[in-house]
């Protein structure tokens, strides 16, 4: 049974598509986080220079004389956790190494505002000279627009006690929504001498995602059509998993509202369907679709437990679907709905 009551106010194509999706199970998104996202941040891939040669470290795009340098050679720190470290190299006033990390697998957590990036490294220089190194991370969207940045370092000669050594530095920053890549830049600067002794080792970038910040909303709706003898309505509250993601949606994780009954007449017969909210749904700004389940019905082929949905689009449009989509009311003659942040 389908009652074709169409609104004349707007196109319903997108609205119906979302409402229909509530009649099937929605796919759960998950953010992807892991260990160090930087390749070869410890310079252990490949050989390290033992004199004034330049050996570009694999995984990095370099400028100047940026090089992998072997621990213990003349001028370098005597020992580290591995065989090599990263250095500005011979002669260059400024040397850089850049690497871009794809974080699109964590888009859901990033766009929900729950992802945090931690940048860490060992940074240092040679004796009392002011040569130093910094590490920066740039948050970049899919159009290569920089959304923000943060940095660690430099470590000064005073920080090092005028010793040839490296000190640990780290910083954590929230990842801006829409970030899809993070560009890591190491910059080594020479202030004196012939060798750029801005040193770095164990450069790491990690992502973590906390639980999304849930949001709470109140809602209500009522539909009425005198010709059909149609009446139904309910009100209550719902809670979302977080804020809408880049696709404009977030999951509804709970609903607190009383069951309601839809009653109408069709071809001289009275029908009624009693429904309850299942606690699931989808929310985007100004729209909510809530899943329903049939409690009882006198509609043919509309059994107890079959799926339904109610979709509300401000400032008052309502779609009510029942009996696995076989019975639906699309924008009845009189309809009102509201959604408010609690």
Protein backbone atom coordinates (compact mmCIF):
# COMPACT_ATOMS: atom_id res chain seq x y z
CA UNK A 1 0.00 0.00 0.00
CA UNK A 2 1.48 3.34 -1.01
CA UNK A 3 -0.12 6.72 -0.45
CA UNK A 4 1.47 9.19 -2.91
CA UNK A 5 1.22 12.47 -0.99
CA UNK A 6 4.02 14.61 -2.43
CA UNK A 7 5.16 18.00 -1.21
CA UNK A 8 5.09 20.82 -3.74
CA UNK A 9 7.69 22.86 -1.83
CA UNK A 10 10.94 21.20 -2.86
CA UNK A 11 12.63 18.22 -4.50
CA UNK A 12 12.58 15.13 -2.31
CA UNK A 13 15.14 13.10 -4.19
CA UNK A 14 18.05 13.45 -1.76
CA UNK A 15 15.76 13.29 1.27
CA UNK A 16 14.14 10.05 0.13
CA UNK A 17 17.53 8.51 -0.57
CA UNK A 18 18.66 9.01 3.01
CA UNK A 19 15.32 7.93 4.44
CA UNK A 20 15.41 4.72 2.41
CA UNK A 21 18.86 3.93 3.69
CA UNK A 22 17.42 3.60 7.20
CA UNK A 23 15.51 0.50 6.15
CA UNK A 24 18.78 -1.41 5.84
CA UNK A 25 21.70 -1.71 8.19
CA UNK A 26 24.07 1.26 8.03
CA UNK A 27 27.79 0.62 7.65
CA UNK A 28 29.93 1.60 10.63
CA UNK A 29 32.93 3.79 9.88
CA UNK A 30 36.22 3.44 11.72
CA UNK A 31 39.30 5.60 11.89
CA UNK A 32 42.68 4.08 11.13
CA UNK A 33 45.51 4.91 13.49
CA UNK A 34 48.74 3.11 14.08
CA UNK A 35 52.43 3.50 14.86
CA UNK A 36 54.98 5.81 13.32
CA UNK A 37 53.70 7.11 9.98
CA UNK A 38 57.09 8.50 8.92
CA UNK A 39 59.28 6.33 6.76
CA UNK A 40 62.96 6.16 7.68
CA UNK A 41 62.75 8.74 10.42
CA UNK A 42 65.77 7.06 12.03
CA UNK A 43 67.99 7.09 8.89
CA UNK A 44 68.55 3.36 9.15
CA UNK A 45 67.51 2.66 5.57
CA UNK A 46 70.69 2.77 3.51
CA UNK A 47 74.20 3.84 4.44
CA UNK A 48 75.34 6.84 6.44
CA UNK A 49 78.06 9.24 5.30
CA UNK A 50 81.45 8.87 6.95
CA UNK A 51 83.06 12.08 5.64
CA UNK A 52 81.93 15.11 3.61
CA UNK A 53 79.90 13.05 1.17
CA UNK A 54 76.13 13.47 0.92
CA UNK A 55 73.93 10.37 1.09
CA UNK A 56 70.28 11.36 0.74
CA UNK A 57 68.16 9.24 3.12
CA UNK A 58 65.56 7.05 1.36
CA UNK A 59 61.95 8.14 1.84
CA UNK A 60 62.76 11.86 1.98
CA UNK A 61 62.84 14.61 -0.64
CA UNK A 62 65.91 16.66 0.23
CA UNK A 63 67.45 20.05 -0.53
CA UNK A 64 70.90 21.48 0.18
CA UNK A 65 73.28 18.85 1.51
CA UNK A 66 70.82 16.99 3.73
CA UNK A 67 72.33 13.60 4.46
CA UNK A 68 72.28 10.43 6.48
CA UNK A 69 75.36 10.56 8.73
CA UNK A 70 77.03 7.71 10.57
CA UNK A 71 77.26 8.00 14.34
CA UNK A 72 80.81 8.29 15.70
CA UNK A 73 82.49 9.87 12.67
CA UNK A 74 84.41 13.12 13.17
CA UNK A 75 82.06 15.87 14.38
CA UNK A 76 79.03 13.61 14.84
CA UNK A 77 77.54 12.39 18.11
CA UNK A 78 79.38 9.32 19.30
CA UNK A 79 76.44 6.98 19.82
CA UNK A 80 72.76 6.59 19.14
CA UNK A 81 70.08 3.91 19.15
CA UNK A 82 71.02 2.97 15.59
CA UNK A 83 73.90 3.34 13.17
CA UNK A 84 72.89 6.63 11.53
CA UNK A 85 71.27 10.00 12.13
CA UNK A 86 70.09 12.86 9.89
CA UNK A 87 72.20 15.98 9.35
CA UNK A 88 72.31 19.22 7.37
CA UNK A 89 75.52 18.12 5.64
CA UNK A 90 78.65 19.78 4.28
CA UNK A 91 78.63 23.47 3.31
CA UNK A 92 74.90 24.18 3.19
CA UNK A 93 73.49 27.08 5.18
CA UNK A 94 70.05 25.47 5.06
CA UNK A 95 69.19 21.87 4.21
CA UNK A 96 65.74 20.29 4.30
CA UNK A 97 64.06 16.91 4.08
CA UNK A 98 60.35 16.54 3.33
CA UNK A 99 57.97 13.61 3.47
CA UNK A 100 54.20 13.57 2.93
CA UNK A 101 52.06 11.06 4.82
CA UNK A 102 48.60 9.99 3.63
CA UNK A 103 46.13 10.00 6.55
CA UNK A 104 42.91 9.63 4.52
CA UNK A 105 42.27 6.25 6.17
CA UNK A 106 41.63 8.18 9.40
CA UNK A 107 39.24 10.66 7.75
CA UNK A 108 36.29 9.75 9.96
CA UNK A 109 38.13 10.51 13.21
CA UNK A 110 39.79 13.58 11.69
CA UNK A 111 36.53 15.09 10.45
CA UNK A 112 34.82 14.29 13.75
CA UNK A 113 37.48 16.41 15.46
CA UNK A 114 38.82 13.58 17.62
CA UNK A 115 42.18 12.91 15.93
CA UNK A 116 45.42 14.18 17.45
CA UNK A 117 48.87 14.12 15.87
CA UNK A 118 52.05 13.70 17.89
CA UNK A 119 55.36 14.82 16.40
CA UNK A 120 58.55 13.66 18.11
CA UNK A 121 62.28 13.51 17.39
CA UNK A 122 65.76 13.66 18.84
CA UNK A 123 67.27 17.04 17.92
CA UNK A 124 70.70 18.55 18.51
CA UNK A 125 73.94 20.00 17.23
CA UNK A 126 77.71 20.19 17.65
CA UNK A 127 79.40 21.50 20.81
CA UNK A 128 78.88 25.27 21.34
CA UNK A 129 77.95 26.07 17.74
CA UNK A 130 74.41 27.31 17.07
CA UNK A 131 73.62 24.91 14.24
CA UNK A 132 70.22 23.38 14.87
CA UNK A 133 67.29 21.44 13.44
CA UNK A 134 63.52 21.79 13.62
CA UNK A 135 60.74 19.43 12.58
CA UNK A 136 57.39 20.78 11.36
CA UNK A 137 54.12 19.08 10.44
CA UNK A 138 51.71 20.73 7.99
CA UNK A 139 48.07 19.61 7.81
CA UNK A 140 46.97 19.52 4.16
CA UNK A 141 43.53 18.91 2.64
CA UNK A 142 42.68 17.03 -0.56
CA UNK A 143 43.21 20.22 -2.62
CA UNK A 144 46.71 20.70 -1.15
CA UNK A 145 45.61 23.65 0.97
CA UNK A 146 47.49 23.95 4.27
CA UNK A 147 45.01 23.95 7.16
CA UNK A 148 47.51 24.38 9.99
CA UNK A 149 50.94 23.46 11.30
CA UNK A 150 52.96 22.78 14.44
CA UNK A 151 56.64 22.26 15.15
CA UNK A 152 59.23 20.91 17.57
CA UNK A 153 62.69 22.31 18.15
CA UNK A 154 65.17 23.74 17.75
CA UNK A 155 67.44 22.57 20.56
CA UNK A 156 69.96 25.30 21.33
CA UNK A 157 73.60 24.88 22.31
CA UNK A 158 72.62 26.06 25.80
CA UNK A 159 69.91 23.38 25.96
CA UNK A 160 72.58 20.80 25.14
CA UNK A 161 75.07 22.24 27.68
CA UNK A 162 77.40 22.98 24.72
CA UNK A 163 77.79 19.23 24.19
CA UNK A 164 77.48 17.29 20.93
CA UNK A 165 74.29 15.41 21.65
CA UNK A 166 70.59 15.10 20.81
CA UNK A 167 67.65 15.77 23.10
CA UNK A 168 64.11 14.43 22.87
CA UNK A 169 61.36 16.83 21.84
CA UNK A 170 57.67 16.14 21.19
CA UNK A 171 54.38 17.96 20.78
CA UNK A 172 50.76 16.93 20.25
CA UNK A 173 48.21 18.89 18.23
CA UNK A 174 44.58 18.38 17.20
CA UNK A 175 44.25 17.49 13.52
CA UNK A 176 42.02 20.00 11.65
CA UNK A 177 38.91 18.52 9.98
CA UNK A 178 39.34 17.85 6.22
CA UNK A 179 43.04 16.96 6.66
CA UNK A 180 44.00 14.18 4.26
CA UNK A 181 47.80 14.44 4.28
CA UNK A 182 50.43 15.57 6.75
CA UNK A 183 53.67 17.01 5.35
CA UNK A 184 56.69 16.53 7.61
CA UNK A 185 59.57 18.97 7.10
CA UNK A 186 62.99 18.78 8.74
CA UNK A 187 65.04 21.97 8.46
CA UNK A 188 68.73 22.03 9.45
CA UNK A 189 70.40 25.48 9.69
CA UNK A 190 74.10 26.31 9.95
CA UNK A 191 75.19 29.34 12.00
CA UNK A 192 78.98 28.81 11.94
CA UNK A 193 81.63 26.41 10.74
CA UNK A 194 81.79 24.57 7.41
CA UNK A 195 79.43 21.70 8.19
CA UNK A 196 75.71 22.03 8.87
CA UNK A 197 75.50 20.25 12.21
CA UNK A 198 71.74 20.49 12.61
CA UNK A 199 71.04 16.92 13.73
CA UNK A 200 67.83 14.86 13.94
CA UNK A 201 67.02 11.24 14.64
CA UNK A 202 64.01 9.06 15.42
CA UNK A 203 61.61 11.44 13.70
CA UNK A 204 58.09 10.13 14.28
CA UNK A 205 54.50 11.12 13.56
CA UNK A 206 51.62 9.23 15.16
CA UNK A 207 47.85 9.66 15.13
CA UNK A 208 45.49 8.86 17.96
CA UNK A 209 41.70 9.14 18.02
CA UNK A 210 39.68 9.62 21.16
CA UNK A 211 36.01 8.87 21.54
CA UNK A 212 33.84 11.27 19.52
CA UNK A 213 32.13 14.02 21.47
CA UNK A 214 28.49 13.00 21.52
CA UNK A 215 25.78 15.56 20.90
CA UNK A 216 22.22 15.53 22.26
CA UNK A 217 19.15 16.81 20.43
CA UNK A 218 15.43 17.14 21.09
CA UNK A 219 12.94 16.50 18.31
CA UNK A 220 9.25 16.29 17.59
CA UNK A 221 6.86 15.80 14.68
CA UNK A 222 3.17 15.57 13.86
CA UNK A 223 1.37 14.65 10.64
CA UNK A 224 -2.31 15.10 9.86
CA UNK A 225 -4.57 14.71 6.84
CA UNK A 226 -8.32 15.16 7.27
CA UNK A 227 -9.23 13.47 3.98
CA UNK A 228 -7.41 10.28 4.99
CA UNK A 229 -8.21 10.54 8.67
CA UNK A 230 -4.45 10.41 9.14
CA UNK A 231 -2.84 11.37 12.42
CA UNK A 232 0.46 10.51 14.11
CA UNK A 233 3.18 12.17 16.10
CA UNK A 234 5.87 11.80 18.72
CA UNK A 235 8.62 13.75 20.47
CA UNK A 236 11.69 12.97 22.49
CA UNK A 237 15.46 13.14 22.23
CA UNK A 238 18.32 11.46 20.41
CA UNK A 239 22.08 11.28 20.81
CA UNK A 240 24.61 11.27 17.97
CA UNK A 241 28.00 9.59 17.81
CA UNK A 242 29.67 12.95 17.12
CA UNK A 243 29.45 15.92 14.82
CA UNK A 244 28.64 15.37 11.11
CA UNK A 245 31.68 14.14 9.16
CA UNK A 246 32.98 15.31 5.76
CA UNK A 247 30.07 13.51 4.12
CA UNK A 248 27.70 15.57 6.26
CA UNK A 249 26.44 12.69 8.42
CA UNK A 250 26.88 11.10 11.82
CA UNK A 251 25.20 8.09 13.38
CA UNK A 252 22.37 8.30 15.90
CA UNK A 253 23.33 5.97 18.76
CA UNK A 254 20.29 6.28 21.03
CA UNK A 255 16.71 7.58 20.99
CA UNK A 256 14.48 8.32 23.98
CA UNK A 257 10.88 8.70 22.76
CA UNK A 258 7.57 6.97 23.42
CA UNK A 259 6.10 4.54 20.88
CA UNK A 260 3.39 6.05 18.68
CA UNK A 261 0.49 4.93 16.53
CA UNK A 262 -0.25 5.88 12.93
CA UNK A 263 -3.96 5.70 12.07
CA UNK A 264 -5.65 6.37 8.70
CA UNK A 265 -8.46 5.30 6.37
CA UNK A 266 -7.96 3.94 2.88
CA UNK A 267 -10.69 2.79 0.49
CA UNK A 268 -13.21 2.72 3.29
CA UNK A 269 -11.14 0.70 5.72
CA UNK A 270 -9.42 1.87 8.91
CA UNK A 271 -5.78 0.99 9.42
CA UNK A 272 -3.37 1.42 12.28
CA UNK A 273 0.29 0.67 12.88
CA UNK A 274 2.00 0.92 16.26
CA UNK A 275 5.71 1.71 16.08
CA UNK A 276 8.66 2.06 18.38
CA UNK A 277 12.06 3.74 17.93
CA UNK A 278 14.96 1.28 17.64
CA UNK A 279 17.59 3.74 18.87
CA UNK A 280 19.41 3.97 15.54
CA UNK A 281 19.47 6.50 12.73
CA UNK A 282 21.40 9.13 10.80
CA UNK A 283 21.79 12.84 11.48
CA UNK A 284 23.06 15.74 9.39
CA UNK A 285 22.59 19.43 9.98
CA UNK A 286 18.86 20.14 9.90
CA UNK A 287 17.88 16.54 9.13
CA UNK A 288 17.39 13.38 11.13
CA UNK A 289 16.25 9.92 10.05
CA UNK A 290 15.25 7.58 12.86
CA UNK A 291 14.75 3.84 12.46
CA UNK A 292 11.45 2.30 13.60
CA UNK A 293 10.13 -1.18 14.27
CA UNK A 294 6.50 -2.36 14.02
CA UNK A 295 4.93 -3.37 17.35
CA UNK A 296 1.52 -4.28 15.93
CA UNK A 297 -0.44 -3.66 12.74
CA UNK A 298 -3.64 -4.52 10.88
CA UNK A 299 -2.04 -3.69 7.52
CA UNK A 300 -1.61 -6.74 5.26
CA UNK A 301 1.99 -7.93 4.97
CA UNK A 302 3.09 -5.54 7.72
CA UNK A 303 4.21 -7.90 10.44
CA UNK A 304 5.44 -7.23 13.93
CA UNK A 305 9.17 -6.48 13.90
CA UNK A 306 9.30 -5.24 10.30
CA UNK A 307 11.31 -2.09 9.67
CA UNK A 308 10.25 1.50 9.21
CA UNK A 309 11.64 5.02 9.55
CA UNK A 310 10.62 8.59 10.19
CA UNK A 311 12.65 11.39 8.61
CA UNK A 312 12.42 15.01 9.63
CA UNK A 313 13.68 17.92 7.57
CA UNK A 314 13.31 21.37 9.03
CA UNK A 315 11.24 23.53 8.93
CA UNK A 316 8.50 20.92 8.90
CA UNK A 317 8.69 18.24 6.24
CA UNK A 318 8.12 14.67 7.35
CA UNK A 319 8.51 11.29 5.66
CA UNK A 320 7.07 8.25 7.41
CA UNK A 321 7.87 4.82 5.99
CA UNK A 322 6.59 1.53 7.36
CA UNK A 323 6.24 -2.12 6.52
CA UNK A 324 9.65 -2.32 4.86
CA UNK A 325 8.87 0.67 2.67
CA UNK A 326 5.59 -0.68 1.28
CA UNK A 327 3.52 1.90 3.16
CA UNK A 328 4.69 5.50 3.24
CA UNK A 329 3.39 8.99 3.86
CA UNK A 330 5.34 11.70 2.05
CA UNK A 331 4.68 15.24 3.28
CA UNK A 332 1.02 14.93 4.27
CA UNK A 333 -1.28 17.92 3.93
CA UNK A 334 -0.35 19.12 7.39
CA UNK A 335 3.02 18.28 8.89
CA UNK A 336 5.28 19.87 11.47
CA UNK A 337 8.68 18.87 12.81
CA UNK A 338 11.53 20.39 14.79
CA UNK A 339 15.07 19.50 15.82
CA UNK A 340 16.92 21.39 18.54
CA UNK A 341 20.31 20.97 20.16
CA UNK A 342 19.82 20.15 23.85
